[in-house]
Amino acid sequence: MSRQASCQCGGFTATVAAEPAIVVMCHCTQCQRRSGVPLTVNTYFKKNDVKLAGDYRIFERPAPEGRKVYNYFCPTCGTTLGWRGDVRPDVFGVAAGCFADKSLPTPSVSIWEETMHPWVKLPGGMQHFPQAR
C-alpha cells in the first residue's frame, strides 16, 4: 500500500510505503496550536517508510523532559505535514488530513484528554489517556 500526503499548495509531499502503525486523536495544546483546531488526527509510520519530497522547513520546539519535536512544514503555504520527536526517533508522524484519503484507518487512541475541549464527543471503541500513552 502506498499513500501520498501533501500540503495545500502541493509543493511538499510525503509518500508512505506502509499502513500506519497507529492512528491517534490528540487533544494536546501543542497540536491545537500547530493545526489551529481543537483536536488533531495523526498517523504514525516507521521513519524508513516515509519519503519526503519538495521544499520544506523544520521548526524545532521543546518537548517534555528536555527533548525536542521537529515539525516539517511547507515554506510556501505553511502546512505542517509531519513531525518527528526525540522520544521515538524511528517514527515519523503525518497529519491525517494531509492524505485527504477516506480509506485511512479510524483512530484507535485518544490522548491528552485532560486538555480536550468539553464539547468534543469521541467515537466508541477508543483507548483513552489523560496525557500521552
N, C-alpha and C. Protein backbone atom coordinates (compact mmCIF):
# COMPACT_ATOMS: atom_id res chain seq x y z
N MET A 1 0.85 -1.18 0.00
CA MET A 1 0.00 0.00 0.00
C MET A 1 0.89 1.24 0.00
N SER A 2 0.56 2.18 -0.81
CA SER A 2 1.30 3.44 -0.85
C SER A 2 0.28 4.58 -0.85
N ARG A 3 0.56 5.60 -0.03
CA ARG A 3 -0.29 6.79 0.03
C ARG A 3 0.60 8.01 -0.04
N GLN A 4 0.01 9.12 -0.54
CA GLN A 4 0.76 10.36 -0.57
C GLN A 4 -0.02 11.45 0.17
N ALA A 5 0.68 12.11 1.07
CA ALA A 5 0.15 13.27 1.77
C ALA A 5 0.79 14.50 1.14
N SER A 6 0.04 15.61 1.11
CA SER A 6 0.63 16.82 0.56
C SER A 6 0.13 18.05 1.32
N CYS A 7 0.89 19.11 1.20
CA CYS A 7 0.50 20.40 1.76
C CYS A 7 -0.59 21.01 0.88
N GLN A 8 -1.07 22.17 1.26
CA GLN A 8 -2.14 22.83 0.50
C GLN A 8 -1.73 23.18 -0.93
N CYS A 9 -0.50 23.65 -1.12
CA CYS A 9 -0.08 24.07 -2.45
C CYS A 9 0.52 22.93 -3.28
N GLY A 10 0.77 21.78 -2.66
CA GLY A 10 1.31 20.63 -3.36
C GLY A 10 2.82 20.65 -3.51
N GLY A 11 3.49 21.64 -2.94
CA GLY A 11 4.94 21.75 -3.07
C GLY A 11 5.74 20.86 -2.14
N PHE A 12 5.10 20.26 -1.14
CA PHE A 12 5.77 19.40 -0.17
C PHE A 12 4.90 18.16 0.01
N THR A 13 5.49 16.99 -0.20
CA THR A 13 4.75 15.74 -0.09
C THR A 13 5.48 14.72 0.78
N ALA A 14 4.70 13.79 1.29
CA ALA A 14 5.23 12.63 2.00
C ALA A 14 4.55 11.41 1.40
N THR A 15 5.35 10.49 0.88
CA THR A 15 4.82 9.24 0.36
C THR A 15 5.17 8.15 1.36
N VAL A 16 4.17 7.38 1.76
CA VAL A 16 4.38 6.31 2.74
C VAL A 16 4.17 4.96 2.05
N ALA A 17 5.02 4.02 2.40
CA ALA A 17 5.01 2.71 1.76
C ALA A 17 4.39 1.64 2.65
N ALA A 18 3.59 2.06 3.63
CA ALA A 18 3.01 1.09 4.56
C ALA A 18 1.75 1.68 5.17
N GLU A 19 0.97 0.83 5.80
CA GLU A 19 -0.17 1.30 6.58
C GLU A 19 0.38 1.95 7.85
N PRO A 20 -0.34 2.89 8.44
CA PRO A 20 0.14 3.48 9.69
C PRO A 20 0.24 2.44 10.80
N ALA A 21 1.27 2.58 11.62
CA ALA A 21 1.41 1.70 12.78
C ALA A 21 0.27 1.98 13.77
N ILE A 22 -0.15 3.25 13.84
CA ILE A 22 -1.23 3.65 14.72
C ILE A 22 -1.81 4.97 14.22
N VAL A 23 -3.09 5.18 14.48
CA VAL A 23 -3.76 6.44 14.18
C VAL A 23 -4.29 6.96 15.50
N VAL A 24 -3.89 8.20 15.84
CA VAL A 24 -4.16 8.76 17.16
C VAL A 24 -4.94 10.07 17.03
N MET A 25 -5.92 10.25 17.90
CA MET A 25 -6.60 11.53 18.03
C MET A 25 -5.95 12.23 19.22
N CYS A 26 -5.45 13.45 18.98
CA CYS A 26 -4.72 14.17 20.02
C CYS A 26 -5.41 15.49 20.37
N HIS A 27 -5.47 15.78 21.67
CA HIS A 27 -6.10 16.99 22.18
C HIS A 27 -5.10 17.91 22.87
N CYS A 28 -3.79 17.66 22.71
CA CYS A 28 -2.79 18.47 23.41
C CYS A 28 -2.76 19.90 22.88
N THR A 29 -2.33 20.81 23.73
CA THR A 29 -2.30 22.22 23.33
C THR A 29 -1.28 22.47 22.22
N GLN A 30 -0.21 21.68 22.15
CA GLN A 30 0.77 21.87 21.07
C GLN A 30 0.17 21.52 19.71
N CYS A 31 -0.60 20.43 19.64
CA CYS A 31 -1.27 20.09 18.38
C CYS A 31 -2.34 21.12 18.04
N GLN A 32 -3.02 21.61 19.07
CA GLN A 32 -4.03 22.65 18.83
C GLN A 32 -3.38 23.87 18.19
N ARG A 33 -2.23 24.27 18.71
CA ARG A 33 -1.53 25.44 18.16
C ARG A 33 -0.94 25.15 16.79
N ARG A 34 -0.41 23.94 16.61
CA ARG A 34 0.19 23.57 15.32
C ARG A 34 -0.84 23.59 14.21
N SER A 35 -2.06 23.12 14.52
CA SER A 35 -3.07 22.94 13.48
C SER A 35 -4.11 24.05 13.43
N GLY A 36 -4.32 24.74 14.56
CA GLY A 36 -5.36 25.75 14.62
C GLY A 36 -6.74 25.18 14.88
N VAL A 37 -6.83 23.91 15.22
CA VAL A 37 -8.11 23.27 15.52
C VAL A 37 -8.04 22.60 16.90
N PRO A 38 -9.19 22.30 17.52
CA PRO A 38 -9.20 21.80 18.89
C PRO A 38 -8.73 20.36 19.07
N LEU A 39 -8.62 19.59 17.99
CA LEU A 39 -8.06 18.24 18.09
C LEU A 39 -7.48 17.88 16.73
N THR A 40 -6.54 16.95 16.75
CA THR A 40 -5.92 16.51 15.50
C THR A 40 -6.02 15.00 15.39
N VAL A 41 -5.96 14.51 14.17
CA VAL A 41 -5.86 13.08 13.91
C VAL A 41 -4.51 12.88 13.22
N ASN A 42 -3.71 12.01 13.83
CA ASN A 42 -2.32 11.87 13.40
C ASN A 42 -2.00 10.41 13.11
N THR A 43 -1.29 10.19 12.01
CA THR A 43 -0.87 8.84 11.62
C THR A 43 0.62 8.71 11.91
N TYR A 44 1.03 7.53 12.31
CA TYR A 44 2.44 7.30 12.64
C TYR A 44 2.97 6.10 11.87
N PHE A 45 4.17 6.31 11.30
CA PHE A 45 4.82 5.31 10.45
C PHE A 45 6.27 5.12 10.91
N LYS A 46 6.84 3.98 10.52
CA LYS A 46 8.29 3.83 10.68
C LYS A 46 8.93 4.89 9.80
N LYS A 47 9.93 5.57 10.34
CA LYS A 47 10.58 6.66 9.61
C LYS A 47 11.08 6.21 8.24
N ASN A 48 11.59 4.99 8.15
CA ASN A 48 12.13 4.48 6.88
C ASN A 48 11.05 4.25 5.82
N ASP A 49 9.77 4.21 6.22
CA ASP A 49 8.67 4.02 5.27
C ASP A 49 8.13 5.34 4.71
N VAL A 50 8.72 6.47 5.13
CA VAL A 50 8.24 7.78 4.71
C VAL A 50 9.30 8.45 3.83
N LYS A 51 8.88 8.87 2.62
CA LYS A 51 9.79 9.58 1.73
C LYS A 51 9.25 11.00 1.53
N LEU A 52 10.05 11.98 1.93
CA LEU A 52 9.67 13.39 1.79
C LEU A 52 10.19 13.92 0.46
N ALA A 53 9.40 14.79 -0.17
CA ALA A 53 9.82 15.40 -1.44
C ALA A 53 9.34 16.84 -1.48
N GLY A 54 10.10 17.68 -2.15
CA GLY A 54 9.74 19.08 -2.28
C GLY A 54 10.45 19.94 -1.26
N ASP A 55 10.08 21.19 -1.26
CA ASP A 55 10.70 22.18 -0.37
C ASP A 55 9.99 22.17 0.98
N TYR A 56 10.76 22.11 2.06
CA TYR A 56 10.18 22.20 3.39
C TYR A 56 11.18 22.81 4.36
N ARG A 57 10.66 23.24 5.48
CA ARG A 57 11.47 23.76 6.58
C ARG A 57 11.13 22.96 7.83
N ILE A 58 11.99 23.07 8.83
CA ILE A 58 11.78 22.36 10.08
C ILE A 58 11.76 23.36 11.22
N PHE A 59 10.68 23.29 12.01
CA PHE A 59 10.55 24.10 13.21
C PHE A 59 10.81 23.19 14.41
N GLU A 60 11.80 23.55 15.22
CA GLU A 60 12.17 22.78 16.41
C GLU A 60 11.51 23.39 17.63
N ARG A 61 10.80 22.57 18.40
CA ARG A 61 10.17 23.08 19.62
C ARG A 61 10.52 22.18 20.79
N PRO A 62 10.49 22.74 22.00
CA PRO A 62 10.78 21.92 23.17
C PRO A 62 9.65 20.94 23.46
N ALA A 63 10.01 19.81 24.03
CA ALA A 63 9.06 18.77 24.45
C ALA A 63 9.41 18.40 25.90
N PRO A 64 8.56 17.61 26.56
CA PRO A 64 8.84 17.25 27.95
C PRO A 64 10.22 16.62 28.15
N GLU A 65 10.74 16.80 29.34
CA GLU A 65 12.00 16.20 29.79
C GLU A 65 13.20 16.59 28.94
N GLY A 66 13.18 17.81 28.40
CA GLY A 66 14.33 18.31 27.66
C GLY A 66 14.47 17.79 26.25
N ARG A 67 13.48 17.05 25.78
CA ARG A 67 13.53 16.52 24.41
C ARG A 67 13.05 17.58 23.44
N LYS A 68 13.07 17.24 22.16
CA LYS A 68 12.64 18.15 21.08
C LYS A 68 11.64 17.44 20.17
N VAL A 69 10.79 18.25 19.54
CA VAL A 69 9.91 17.81 18.45
C VAL A 69 10.24 18.69 17.26
N TYR A 70 10.27 18.07 16.08
CA TYR A 70 10.64 18.77 14.85
C TYR A 70 9.44 18.72 13.90
N ASN A 71 8.82 19.88 13.66
CA ASN A 71 7.69 19.99 12.75
C ASN A 71 8.20 20.32 11.35
N TYR A 72 7.76 19.53 10.37
CA TYR A 72 8.15 19.72 8.97
C TYR A 72 7.01 20.45 8.26
N PHE A 73 7.29 21.64 7.72
CA PHE A 73 6.23 22.43 7.12
C PHE A 73 6.66 23.02 5.78
N CYS A 74 5.66 23.35 4.98
CA CYS A 74 5.88 23.95 3.66
C CYS A 74 6.14 25.45 3.83
N PRO A 75 7.23 25.97 3.28
CA PRO A 75 7.51 27.40 3.42
C PRO A 75 6.61 28.28 2.55
N THR A 76 5.93 27.69 1.59
CA THR A 76 5.05 28.47 0.71
C THR A 76 3.66 28.64 1.31
N CYS A 77 3.01 27.53 1.68
CA CYS A 77 1.63 27.62 2.18
C CYS A 77 1.52 27.47 3.69
N GLY A 78 2.59 27.03 4.36
CA GLY A 78 2.60 26.96 5.82
C GLY A 78 2.08 25.67 6.42
N THR A 79 1.62 24.72 5.61
CA THR A 79 1.06 23.47 6.13
C THR A 79 2.12 22.66 6.87
N THR A 80 1.81 22.26 8.11
CA THR A 80 2.66 21.30 8.82
C THR A 80 2.21 19.92 8.38
N LEU A 81 3.04 19.28 7.60
CA LEU A 81 2.72 17.97 7.02
C LEU A 81 3.06 16.84 7.99
N GLY A 82 4.18 16.98 8.70
CA GLY A 82 4.61 15.89 9.57
C GLY A 82 5.56 16.36 10.64
N TRP A 83 6.03 15.39 11.43
CA TRP A 83 6.91 15.69 12.55
C TRP A 83 7.60 14.43 13.02
N ARG A 84 8.65 14.64 13.77
CA ARG A 84 9.34 13.55 14.46
C ARG A 84 9.78 14.10 15.80
N GLY A 85 10.05 13.20 16.73
CA GLY A 85 10.45 13.63 18.06
C GLY A 85 11.61 12.81 18.58
N ASP A 86 12.34 13.41 19.50
CA ASP A 86 13.47 12.71 20.11
C ASP A 86 13.03 11.46 20.87
N VAL A 87 11.80 11.47 21.40
CA VAL A 87 11.35 10.35 22.23
C VAL A 87 11.23 9.05 21.42
N ARG A 88 10.88 9.14 20.14
CA ARG A 88 10.79 7.97 19.25
C ARG A 88 11.43 8.34 17.91
N PRO A 89 12.76 8.33 17.83
CA PRO A 89 13.45 8.82 16.63
C PRO A 89 13.21 7.97 15.38
N ASP A 90 12.72 6.74 15.53
CA ASP A 90 12.48 5.87 14.38
C ASP A 90 11.05 5.98 13.85
N VAL A 91 10.27 6.96 14.37
CA VAL A 91 8.87 7.13 14.00
C VAL A 91 8.68 8.52 13.37
N PHE A 92 7.85 8.59 12.33
CA PHE A 92 7.51 9.86 11.70
C PHE A 92 5.99 9.98 11.69
N GLY A 93 5.49 11.11 12.18
CA GLY A 93 4.05 11.37 12.19
C GLY A 93 3.64 12.20 10.99
N VAL A 94 2.47 11.89 10.44
CA VAL A 94 1.93 12.65 9.32
C VAL A 94 0.50 13.04 9.68
N ALA A 95 0.16 14.30 9.48
CA ALA A 95 -1.20 14.77 9.74
C ALA A 95 -2.16 14.03 8.82
N ALA A 96 -3.15 13.37 9.42
CA ALA A 96 -4.08 12.53 8.64
C ALA A 96 -4.78 13.33 7.54
N GLY A 97 -5.15 14.57 7.82
CA GLY A 97 -5.84 15.39 6.83
C GLY A 97 -5.03 15.68 5.59
N CYS A 98 -3.71 15.61 5.69
CA CYS A 98 -2.86 15.87 4.52
C CYS A 98 -2.94 14.74 3.49
N PHE A 99 -3.46 13.58 3.90
CA PHE A 99 -3.68 12.50 2.94
C PHE A 99 -4.94 12.73 2.12
N ALA A 100 -5.93 13.43 2.70
CA ALA A 100 -7.22 13.62 2.02
C ALA A 100 -7.71 12.28 1.48
N ASP A 101 -7.68 11.26 2.34
CA ASP A 101 -7.97 9.89 1.95
C ASP A 101 -8.95 9.27 2.95
N LYS A 102 -10.18 9.04 2.53
CA LYS A 102 -11.20 8.49 3.43
C LYS A 102 -10.92 7.04 3.84
N SER A 103 -9.99 6.38 3.17
CA SER A 103 -9.71 4.98 3.50
C SER A 103 -8.69 4.81 4.62
N LEU A 104 -8.19 5.91 5.18
CA LEU A 104 -7.27 5.80 6.32
C LEU A 104 -7.99 5.09 7.46
N PRO A 105 -7.26 4.30 8.24
CA PRO A 105 -7.88 3.65 9.39
C PRO A 105 -8.42 4.66 10.40
N THR A 106 -9.45 4.27 11.11
CA THR A 106 -10.05 5.09 12.16
C THR A 106 -9.09 5.20 13.34
N PRO A 107 -9.02 6.36 14.01
CA PRO A 107 -8.18 6.46 15.21
C PRO A 107 -8.60 5.42 16.25
N SER A 108 -7.61 4.82 16.88
CA SER A 108 -7.88 3.81 17.90
C SER A 108 -7.56 4.31 19.30
N VAL A 109 -6.90 5.47 19.38
CA VAL A 109 -6.44 6.00 20.65
C VAL A 109 -6.75 7.50 20.72
N SER A 110 -7.15 7.97 21.89
CA SER A 110 -7.35 9.39 22.15
C SER A 110 -6.41 9.79 23.29
N ILE A 111 -5.53 10.77 23.02
CA ILE A 111 -4.55 11.17 24.03
C ILE A 111 -4.71 12.63 24.42
N TRP A 112 -4.12 12.97 25.53
CA TRP A 112 -4.15 14.32 26.10
C TRP A 112 -5.58 14.80 26.32
N GLU A 113 -6.40 13.88 26.83
CA GLU A 113 -7.80 14.23 27.09
C GLU A 113 -7.95 15.23 28.23
N GLU A 114 -6.91 15.43 29.04
CA GLU A 114 -7.01 16.44 30.10
C GLU A 114 -7.12 17.85 29.52
N THR A 115 -6.72 18.05 28.26
CA THR A 115 -6.87 19.36 27.61
C THR A 115 -7.88 19.30 26.45
N MET A 116 -8.71 18.27 26.45
CA MET A 116 -9.76 18.13 25.43
C MET A 116 -10.86 19.15 25.70
N HIS A 117 -11.36 19.77 24.65
CA HIS A 117 -12.49 20.70 24.79
C HIS A 117 -13.71 19.93 25.29
N PRO A 118 -14.46 20.50 26.23
CA PRO A 118 -15.56 19.76 26.86
C PRO A 118 -16.69 19.39 25.91
N TRP A 119 -16.83 20.06 24.79
CA TRP A 119 -17.91 19.77 23.86
C TRP A 119 -17.56 18.70 22.83
N VAL A 120 -16.30 18.21 22.83
CA VAL A 120 -15.89 17.18 21.88
C VAL A 120 -16.51 15.84 22.29
N LYS A 121 -17.12 15.16 21.34
CA LYS A 121 -17.68 13.83 21.55
C LYS A 121 -16.85 12.83 20.74
N LEU A 122 -16.35 11.80 21.41
CA LEU A 122 -15.47 10.83 20.76
C LEU A 122 -16.24 9.59 20.32
N PRO A 123 -15.78 8.96 19.23
CA PRO A 123 -16.40 7.72 18.80
C PRO A 123 -16.12 6.61 19.81
N GLY A 124 -16.93 5.60 19.82
CA GLY A 124 -16.73 4.47 20.73
C GLY A 124 -15.57 3.60 20.30
N GLY A 125 -15.15 2.74 21.19
CA GLY A 125 -14.11 1.76 20.88
C GLY A 125 -12.69 2.27 20.93
N MET A 126 -12.48 3.47 21.43
CA MET A 126 -11.12 4.02 21.50
C MET A 126 -10.52 3.79 22.88
N GLN A 127 -9.20 3.72 22.94
CA GLN A 127 -8.50 3.76 24.22
C GLN A 127 -8.37 5.23 24.60
N HIS A 128 -8.46 5.54 25.90
CA HIS A 128 -8.44 6.91 26.37
C HIS A 128 -7.29 7.12 27.35
N PHE A 129 -6.57 8.25 27.17
CA PHE A 129 -5.46 8.58 28.04
C PHE A 129 -5.51 10.06 28.42
N PRO A 130 -5.34 10.39 29.72
CA PRO A 130 -5.35 11.79 30.14
C PRO A 130 -4.18 12.57 29.54
N GLN A 131 -3.05 11.90 29.34
CA GLN A 131 -1.88 12.52 28.70
C GLN A 131 -1.44 11.58 27.58
N ALA A 132 -0.14 11.50 27.34
CA ALA A 132 0.36 10.60 26.31
C ALA A 132 0.19 9.15 26.77
N ARG A 133 0.17 8.23 25.81
CA ARG A 133 0.01 6.83 26.22
C ARG A 133 1.32 6.23 26.62
